[in-house]
Amino acid sequence: MSLLLRASLQGGEKASGWLADGFDFPVGAGEATGYYKARGYHPNGHLGEDWNGSRGGDSDLGDPVTATADGIVVFAQDYLLGWGNVVIIRHAYFENGDARFVDSLYGHLDALKTEMGARVKRGQLIGTIGTAHGKYPAHLHFEMRKDLRVGMFRNSFPHDLSVYWDPTQFITAHRRLHGGGEIVLVPINTFPATAPPAYADPLGSLPPSVASGAASGKKSTIRRSFQVDRFEDLRKLGY
């Protein structure tokens, strides 16, 4: 069975795209040269990686951000709300006899250099490093998602490895792939039009000190805070 047919067996809307021939880092010409990972991925915490230029300060403001792999742009706009300009690219890749899919997200961009529906190649310029309109020091926030429904509604889905990949681990394991350049059908329009209900985390998934506080009713805003941005808001609450 061809890759195109295997991919087409999945329901929903689709568009044709290239099968990725490998994944690179989104900064430093694909090798992260001249950059460092200031903050990594942590399940139920920071859901991606923050990449900074090694020159320090905001010296990386405006530096190029490139597509991690061949794919189709499924989101490209200024989302505000602490995000700034955001690009999401959907990638198809071949592994263990099947065509699989993954989304890469590039956040806090200073400028968008691509548009919705564009087919991009690995290493192609898609944006520049920004500050989310001055909210943060300049850096790239980079995520990779297994679940193609998330889009910009992170709080409606689990914040763990059932939804997210550790970006560096994924890229390292998929630097070069077979079948690159073949055409496959890629699912599109998978993001909800409006935010689904917020995902309710079981207390067992929280740190023990937080779980005990929530169970006792300590700081009643804790459950609401986890619907906003888990550990970022917990820090503000003093946990």
C-alpha atoms as a PDB file:
ATOM      1  CA  MET A   1       0.000   0.000   0.000  1.00  0.00           C
ATOM      2  CA  SER A   2       1.430   3.409  -0.942  1.00  0.00           C
ATOM      3  CA  LEU A   3       2.144   6.101   1.621  1.00  0.00           C
ATOM      4  CA  LEU A   4      -0.424   8.319  -0.099  1.00  0.00           C
ATOM      5  CA  LEU A   5      -3.135   5.691   0.259  1.00  0.00           C
ATOM      6  CA  ARG A   6      -2.212   4.891   3.859  1.00  0.00           C
ATOM      7  CA  ALA A   7      -2.428   8.560   4.791  1.00  0.00           C
ATOM      8  CA  SER A   8      -5.680   9.030   2.890  1.00  0.00           C
ATOM      9  CA  LEU A   9      -7.379   6.354   4.981  1.00  0.00           C
ATOM     10  CA  GLN A  10      -7.618   8.858   7.831  1.00  0.00           C
ATOM     11  CA  GLY A  11     -10.876  10.813   7.826  1.00  0.00           C
ATOM     12  CA  GLY A  12     -11.436  14.560   7.587  1.00  0.00           C
ATOM     13  CA  GLU A  13     -10.150  17.271   5.268  1.00  0.00           C
ATOM     14  CA  LYS A  14      -6.714  16.817   3.731  1.00  0.00           C
ATOM     15  CA  ALA A  15      -4.162  18.628   1.629  1.00  0.00           C
ATOM     16  CA  SER A  16      -1.232  17.231  -0.301  1.00  0.00           C
ATOM     17  CA  GLY A  17       2.202  17.845   1.128  1.00  0.00           C
ATOM     18  CA  TRP A  18       5.772  16.547   1.096  1.00  0.00           C
ATOM     19  CA  LEU A  19       6.874  13.715   3.300  1.00  0.00           C
ATOM     20  CA  ALA A  20       9.618  15.099   5.572  1.00  0.00           C
ATOM     21  CA  ASP A  21      13.133  13.847   4.917  1.00  0.00           C
ATOM     22  CA  GLY A  22      14.275  14.815   8.407  1.00  0.00           C
ATOM     23  CA  PHE A  23      13.931  17.322  11.244  1.00  0.00           C
ATOM     24  CA  ASP A  24      16.353  20.115  12.177  1.00  0.00           C
ATOM     25  CA  PHE A  25      16.453  22.641  14.986  1.00  0.00           C
ATOM     26  CA  PRO A  26      14.538  25.849  14.196  1.00  0.00           C
ATOM     27  CA  VAL A  27      17.495  28.159  14.890  1.00  0.00           C
ATOM     28  CA  GLY A  28      21.180  28.297  14.020  1.00  0.00           C
ATOM     29  CA  ALA A  29      20.853  27.032  10.435  1.00  0.00           C
ATOM     30  CA  GLY A  30      19.217  23.830  11.650  1.00  0.00           C
ATOM     31  CA  GLU A  31      22.034  22.874  13.999  1.00  0.00           C
ATOM     32  CA  ALA A  32      21.278  25.390  16.795  1.00  0.00           C
ATOM     33  CA  THR A  33      24.733  26.853  16.178  1.00  0.00           C
ATOM     34  CA  GLY A  34      25.123  30.007  18.257  1.00  0.00           C
ATOM     35  CA  TYR A  35      22.029  29.253  20.357  1.00  0.00           C
ATOM     36  CA  TYR A  36      21.311  27.487  23.615  1.00  0.00           C
ATOM     37  CA  LYS A  37      18.221  25.960  25.195  1.00  0.00           C
ATOM     38  CA  ALA A  38      17.453  28.340  28.041  1.00  0.00           C
ATOM     39  CA  ARG A  39      14.448  26.326  29.194  1.00  0.00           C
ATOM     40  CA  GLY A  40      13.471  22.792  28.296  1.00  0.00           C
ATOM     41  CA  TYR A  41      10.294  20.784  27.991  1.00  0.00           C
ATOM     42  CA  HIS A  42       8.732  19.472  31.218  1.00  0.00           C
ATOM     43  CA  PRO A  43       5.477  17.454  31.264  1.00  0.00           C
ATOM     44  CA  ASN A  44       2.751  19.317  33.156  1.00  0.00           C
ATOM     45  CA  GLY A  45       5.015  22.360  33.250  1.00  0.00           C
ATOM     46  CA  HIS A  46       6.780  24.126  30.402  1.00  0.00           C
ATOM     47  CA  LEU A  47       5.295  22.575  27.270  1.00  0.00           C
ATOM     48  CA  GLY A  48       8.083  23.432  24.855  1.00  0.00           C
ATOM     49  CA  GLU A  49      11.615  24.765  24.653  1.00  0.00           C
ATOM     50  CA  ASP A  50      12.915  28.340  24.846  1.00  0.00           C
ATOM     51  CA  TRP A  51      15.863  29.043  22.548  1.00  0.00           C
ATOM     52  CA  ASN A  52      18.169  32.032  23.047  1.00  0.00           C
ATOM     53  CA  GLY A  53      21.133  33.394  21.143  1.00  0.00           C
ATOM     54  CA  SER A  54      24.476  32.840  22.835  1.00  0.00           C
ATOM     55  CA  ARG A  55      25.391  36.530  22.404  1.00  0.00           C
ATOM     56  CA  GLY A  56      23.137  37.386  25.346  1.00  0.00           C
ATOM     57  CA  GLY A  57      20.455  39.948  26.067  1.00  0.00           C
ATOM     58  CA  ASP A  58      18.123  40.756  23.197  1.00  0.00           C
ATOM     59  CA  SER A  59      20.902  40.378  20.641  1.00  0.00           C
ATOM     60  CA  ASP A  60      18.892  37.586  18.985  1.00  0.00           C
ATOM     61  CA  LEU A  61      15.888  39.860  18.343  1.00  0.00           C
ATOM     62  CA  GLY A  62      15.034  39.542  14.651  1.00  0.00           C
ATOM     63  CA  ASP A  63      17.188  36.451  14.095  1.00  0.00           C
ATOM     64  CA  PRO A  64      15.790  33.922  11.581  1.00  0.00           C
ATOM     65  CA  VAL A  65      13.464  31.105  12.640  1.00  0.00           C
ATOM     66  CA  THR A  66      13.242  28.235  10.177  1.00  0.00           C
ATOM     67  CA  ALA A  67      10.898  25.284   9.622  1.00  0.00           C
ATOM     68  CA  THR A  68      12.046  22.190  11.477  1.00  0.00           C
ATOM     69  CA  ALA A  69      10.956  20.007   8.540  1.00  0.00           C
ATOM     70  CA  ASP A  70       8.925  20.004   5.327  1.00  0.00           C
ATOM     71  CA  GLY A  71       5.270  20.670   6.033  1.00  0.00           C
ATOM     72  CA  ILE A  72       2.127  22.739   5.635  1.00  0.00           C
ATOM     73  CA  VAL A  73       1.450  25.924   7.627  1.00  0.00           C
ATOM     74  CA  VAL A  74      -1.828  25.346   9.489  1.00  0.00           C
ATOM     75  CA  PHE A  75      -1.706  28.515  11.629  1.00  0.00           C
ATOM     76  CA  ALA A  76       0.040  31.867  11.157  1.00  0.00           C
ATOM     77  CA  GLN A  77      -1.175  34.973  12.933  1.00  0.00           C
ATOM     78  CA  ASP A  78      -0.701  37.374  15.829  1.00  0.00           C
ATOM     79  CA  TYR A  79      -2.490  35.594  18.673  1.00  0.00           C
ATOM     80  CA  LEU A  80      -1.726  38.275  21.307  1.00  0.00           C
ATOM     81  CA  LEU A  81      -2.490  36.925  24.840  1.00  0.00           C
ATOM     82  CA  GLY A  82       1.183  36.612  25.684  1.00  0.00           C
ATOM     83  CA  TRP A  83       1.875  34.645  22.517  1.00  0.00           C
ATOM     84  CA  GLY A  84       2.566  37.336  19.937  1.00  0.00           C
ATOM     85  CA  ASN A  85       3.011  36.060  16.389  1.00  0.00           C
ATOM     86  CA  VAL A  86       2.666  32.291  16.135  1.00  0.00           C
ATOM     87  CA  VAL A  87       3.268  29.783  13.339  1.00  0.00           C
ATOM     88  CA  ILE A  88       2.171  26.136  13.466  1.00  0.00           C
ATOM     89  CA  ILE A  89       3.418  23.730  10.795  1.00  0.00           C
ATOM     90  CA  ARG A  90       2.064  20.221  10.235  1.00  0.00           C
ATOM     91  CA  HIS A  91       4.594  17.608   9.165  1.00  0.00           C
ATOM     92  CA  ALA A  92       4.162  14.137   7.702  1.00  0.00           C
ATOM     93  CA  TYR A  93       6.986  11.640   8.219  1.00  0.00           C
ATOM     94  CA  PHE A  94       7.542   7.956   7.579  1.00  0.00           C
ATOM     95  CA  GLU A  95       8.298   5.650  10.512  1.00  0.00           C
ATOM     96  CA  ASN A  96       7.799   1.938  11.146  1.00  0.00           C
ATOM     97  CA  GLY A  97       5.945   1.466   7.874  1.00  0.00           C
ATOM     98  CA  ASP A  98       3.419   4.254   8.376  1.00  0.00           C
ATOM     99  CA  ALA A  99       2.966   7.913   7.543  1.00  0.00           C
ATOM    100  CA  ARG A 100       2.733   9.808  10.832  1.00  0.00           C
ATOM    101  CA  PHE A 101       2.034  13.437  11.638  1.00  0.00           C
ATOM    102  CA  VAL A 102       3.334  16.028  14.096  1.00  0.00           C
ATOM    103  CA  ASP A 103       2.761  19.759  14.610  1.00  0.00           C
ATOM    104  CA  SER A 104       5.582  22.198  15.356  1.00  0.00           C
ATOM    105  CA  LEU A 105       4.789  25.564  16.980  1.00  0.00           C
ATOM    106  CA  TYR A 106       6.958  28.694  16.860  1.00  0.00           C
ATOM    107  CA  GLY A 107       5.894  31.389  19.334  1.00  0.00           C
ATOM    108  CA  HIS A 108       6.650  35.000  20.340  1.00  0.00           C
ATOM    109  CA  LEU A 109       7.818  35.821  16.801  1.00  0.00           C
ATOM    110  CA  ASP A 110       8.740  39.380  15.900  1.00  0.00           C
ATOM    111  CA  ALA A 111       7.705  38.981  12.262  1.00  0.00           C
ATOM    112  CA  LEU A 112       5.808  36.385  10.261  1.00  0.00           C
ATOM    113  CA  LYS A 113       7.538  35.242   7.080  1.00  0.00           C
ATOM    114  CA  THR A 114       4.946  32.706   5.929  1.00  0.00           C
ATOM    115  CA  GLU A 115       1.174  32.397   5.683  1.00  0.00           C
ATOM    116  CA  MET A 116      -1.662  29.981   6.307  1.00  0.00           C
ATOM    117  CA  GLY A 117      -1.716  27.135   3.804  1.00  0.00           C
ATOM    118  CA  ALA A 118       1.873  27.609   2.613  1.00  0.00           C
ATOM    119  CA  ARG A 119       3.944  24.510   1.887  1.00  0.00           C
ATOM    120  CA  VAL A 120       7.373  24.981   3.430  1.00  0.00           C
ATOM    121  CA  LYS A 121      10.656  23.111   3.227  1.00  0.00           C
ATOM    122  CA  ARG A 122      13.027  22.173   6.031  1.00  0.00           C
ATOM    123  CA  GLY A 123      15.213  25.185   6.808  1.00  0.00           C
ATOM    124  CA  GLN A 124      12.903  27.694   5.100  1.00  0.00           C
ATOM    125  CA  LEU A 125      12.495  31.076   6.826  1.00  0.00           C
ATOM    126  CA  ILE A 126       9.088  31.296   8.528  1.00  0.00           C
ATOM    127  CA  GLY A 127       9.612  34.142  11.024  1.00  0.00           C
ATOM    128  CA  THR A 128      12.041  36.009  13.250  1.00  0.00           C
ATOM    129  CA  ILE A 129      12.758  35.818  16.967  1.00  0.00           C
ATOM    130  CA  GLY A 130      10.663  38.245  18.982  1.00  0.00           C
ATOM    131  CA  THR A 131       9.440  39.298  22.402  1.00  0.00           C
ATOM    132  CA  ALA A 132       5.656  38.732  22.137  1.00  0.00           C
ATOM    133  CA  HIS A 133       5.237  42.507  21.759  1.00  0.00           C
ATOM    134  CA  GLY A 134       7.615  43.274  24.610  1.00  0.00           C
ATOM    135  CA  LYS A 135       6.187  40.795  27.121  1.00  0.00           C
ATOM    136  CA  TYR A 136       9.397  38.723  27.344  1.00  0.00           C
ATOM    137  CA  PRO A 137      13.095  39.048  26.585  1.00  0.00           C
ATOM    138  CA  ALA A 138      13.727  37.971  22.985  1.00  0.00           C
ATOM    139  CA  HIS A 139      13.613  34.198  22.485  1.00  0.00           C
ATOM    140  CA  LEU A 140      11.888  31.477  20.467  1.00  0.00           C
ATOM    141  CA  HIS A 141       9.286  29.323  22.167  1.00  0.00           C
ATOM    142  CA  PHE A 142       9.192  26.006  20.289  1.00  0.00           C
ATOM    143  CA  GLU A 143       6.778  23.090  20.775  1.00  0.00           C
ATOM    144  CA  MET A 144       6.108  19.771  19.064  1.00  0.00           C
ATOM    145  CA  ARG A 145       2.686  18.160  19.429  1.00  0.00           C
ATOM    146  CA  LYS A 146       1.482  14.617  18.815  1.00  0.00           C
ATOM    147  CA  ASP A 147      -2.188  15.656  19.041  1.00  0.00           C
ATOM    148  CA  LEU A 148      -3.258  17.524  15.895  1.00  0.00           C
ATOM    149  CA  ARG A 149      -6.299  19.089  17.602  1.00  0.00           C
ATOM    150  CA  VAL A 150      -4.516  21.374  20.063  1.00  0.00           C
ATOM    151  CA  GLY A 151      -3.887  24.506  17.993  1.00  0.00           C
ATOM    152  CA  MET A 152      -3.989  27.469  20.379  1.00  0.00           C
ATOM    153  CA  PHE A 153      -6.231  25.703  22.909  1.00  0.00           C
ATOM    154  CA  ARG A 154      -3.547  24.116  25.075  1.00  0.00           C
ATOM    155  CA  ASN A 155      -5.663  24.258  28.224  1.00  0.00           C
ATOM    156  CA  SER A 156      -8.253  21.922  26.724  1.00  0.00           C
ATOM    157  CA  PHE A 157      -5.780  19.033  26.464  1.00  0.00           C
ATOM    158  CA  PRO A 158      -3.461  17.169  28.852  1.00  0.00           C
ATOM    159  CA  HIS A 159      -0.107  18.860  29.415  1.00  0.00           C
ATOM    160  CA  ASP A 160       1.909  15.669  29.204  1.00  0.00           C
ATOM    161  CA  LEU A 161       3.630  13.243  26.857  1.00  0.00           C
ATOM    162  CA  SER A 162       0.310  11.915  25.572  1.00  0.00           C
ATOM    163  CA  VAL A 163      -0.006  15.219  23.668  1.00  0.00           C
ATOM    164  CA  TYR A 164       3.538  16.647  23.428  1.00  0.00           C
ATOM    165  CA  TRP A 165       6.952  15.498  22.314  1.00  0.00           C
ATOM    166  CA  ASP A 166      10.128  16.650  23.995  1.00  0.00           C
ATOM    167  CA  PRO A 167      11.320  18.710  20.987  1.00  0.00           C
ATOM    168  CA  THR A 168      15.054  18.036  21.281  1.00  0.00           C
ATOM    169  CA  GLN A 169      14.522  14.322  21.843  1.00  0.00           C
ATOM    170  CA  PHE A 170      12.190  14.107  18.847  1.00  0.00           C
ATOM    171  CA  ILE A 171      14.501  16.046  16.515  1.00  0.00           C
ATOM    172  CA  THR A 172      17.569  14.103  17.614  1.00  0.00           C
ATOM    173  CA  ALA A 173      15.787  10.817  16.868  1.00  0.00           C
ATOM    174  CA  HIS A 174      14.502  12.016  13.469  1.00  0.00           C
ATOM    175  CA  ARG A 175      17.350  14.002  11.922  1.00  0.00           C
ATOM    176  CA  ARG A 176      17.282  12.015   8.667  1.00  0.00           C
ATOM    177  CA  LEU A 177      14.339   9.964   7.423  1.00  0.00           C
ATOM    178  CA  HIS A 178      13.531   7.714   4.488  1.00  0.00           C
ATOM    179  CA  GLY A 179      10.883   8.579   1.910  1.00  0.00           C
ATOM    180  CA  GLY A 180      11.449  12.325   1.921  1.00  0.00           C
ATOM    181  CA  GLY A 181       9.910  14.264  -0.941  1.00  0.00           C
ATOM    182  CA  GLU A 182       7.081  11.813  -1.615  1.00  0.00           C
ATOM    183  CA  ILE A 183       3.603  13.351  -1.682  1.00  0.00           C
ATOM    184  CA  VAL A 184       1.185  12.395   1.110  1.00  0.00           C
ATOM    185  CA  LEU A 185      -2.242  13.587   2.181  1.00  0.00           C
ATOM    186  CA  VAL A 186      -1.997  15.621   5.374  1.00  0.00           C
ATOM    187  CA  PRO A 187      -4.985  16.202   7.681  1.00  0.00           C
ATOM    188  CA  ILE A 188      -5.938  19.904   7.889  1.00  0.00           C
ATOM    189  CA  ASN A 189      -8.541  22.015   9.703  1.00  0.00           C
ATOM    190  CA  THR A 190      -8.267  19.825  12.794  1.00  0.00           C
ATOM    191  CA  PHE A 191      -8.248  22.702  15.320  1.00  0.00           C
ATOM    192  CA  PRO A 192     -11.534  23.452  17.115  1.00  0.00           C
ATOM    193  CA  ALA A 193     -13.281  26.659  16.049  1.00  0.00           C
ATOM    194  CA  THR A 194     -13.806  27.578  19.716  1.00  0.00           C
ATOM    195  CA  ALA A 195     -12.082  26.442  22.890  1.00  0.00           C
ATOM    196  CA  PRO A 196     -13.247  23.017  24.114  1.00  0.00           C
ATOM    197  CA  PRO A 197     -13.863  22.652  27.869  1.00  0.00           C
ATOM    198  CA  ALA A 198     -10.741  23.093  29.961  1.00  0.00           C
ATOM    199  CA  TYR A 199      -8.944  19.862  30.748  1.00  0.00           C
ATOM    200  CA  ALA A 200      -9.384  18.910  34.404  1.00  0.00           C
ATOM    201  CA  ASP A 201      -6.142  17.528  35.820  1.00  0.00           C
ATOM    202  CA  PRO A 202      -6.526  14.721  38.349  1.00  0.00           C
ATOM    203  CA  LEU A 203      -4.891  15.681  41.644  1.00  0.00           C
ATOM    204  CA  GLY A 204      -2.595  12.703  41.286  1.00  0.00           C
ATOM    205  CA  SER A 205      -0.798  14.456  38.421  1.00  0.00           C
ATOM    206  CA  LEU A 206       0.178  17.443  40.570  1.00  0.00           C
ATOM    207  CA  PRO A 207       3.230  17.801  42.827  1.00  0.00           C
ATOM    208  CA  PRO A 208       2.398  16.398  46.302  1.00  0.00           C
ATOM    209  CA  SER A 209       2.503  19.798  48.025  1.00  0.00           C
ATOM    210  CA  VAL A 210       0.146  21.256  45.454  1.00  0.00           C
ATOM    211  CA  ALA A 211      -2.176  18.269  45.485  1.00  0.00           C
ATOM    212  CA  SER A 212      -2.518  18.390  49.273  1.00  0.00           C
ATOM    213  CA  GLY A 213      -3.233  22.104  49.164  1.00  0.00           C
ATOM    214  CA  ALA A 214      -5.904  21.664  46.513  1.00  0.00           C
ATOM    215  CA  ALA A 215      -7.514  18.792  48.420  1.00  0.00           C
ATOM    216  CA  SER A 216      -7.726  20.897  51.580  1.00  0.00           C
ATOM    217  CA  GLY A 217      -9.195  23.861  49.761  1.00  0.00           C
ATOM    218  CA  LYS A 218      -6.060  25.969  50.179  1.00  0.00           C
ATOM    219  CA  LYS A 219      -6.114  28.869  47.727  1.00  0.00           C
ATOM    220  CA  SER A 220      -9.350  28.165  45.899  1.00  0.00           C
ATOM    221  CA  THR A 221      -7.990  29.704  42.713  1.00  0.00           C
ATOM    222  CA  ILE A 222      -5.611  26.811  42.175  1.00  0.00           C
ATOM    223  CA  ARG A 223      -7.922  24.843  39.887  1.00  0.00           C
ATOM    224  CA  ARG A 224      -8.638  27.923  37.781  1.00  0.00           C
ATOM    225  CA  SER A 225      -4.935  28.672  37.564  1.00  0.00           C
ATOM    226  CA  PHE A 226      -4.258  25.258  36.046  1.00  0.00           C
ATOM    227  CA  GLN A 227      -6.740  26.071  33.297  1.00  0.00           C
ATOM    228  CA  VAL A 228      -4.685  29.158  32.458  1.00  0.00           C
ATOM    229  CA  ASP A 229      -1.065  28.075  32.465  1.00  0.00           C
ATOM    230  CA  ARG A 230      -0.237  25.480  35.088  1.00  0.00           C
ATOM    231  CA  PHE A 231       3.137  26.160  36.706  1.00  0.00           C
ATOM    232  CA  GLU A 232       3.479  29.720  35.426  1.00  0.00           C
ATOM    233  CA  ASP A 233       0.408  30.701  37.425  1.00  0.00           C
ATOM    234  CA  LEU A 234       1.326  28.490  40.378  1.00  0.00           C
ATOM    235  CA  ARG A 235       4.471  30.568  40.803  1.00  0.00           C
ATOM    236  CA  LYS A 236       2.339  33.689  40.930  1.00  0.00           C
ATOM    237  CA  LEU A 237       0.162  32.042  43.586  1.00  0.00           C
ATOM    238  CA  GLY A 238       3.208  31.314  45.714  1.00  0.00           C
ATOM    239  CA  TYR A 239       3.469  27.543  45.317  1.00  0.00           C
END
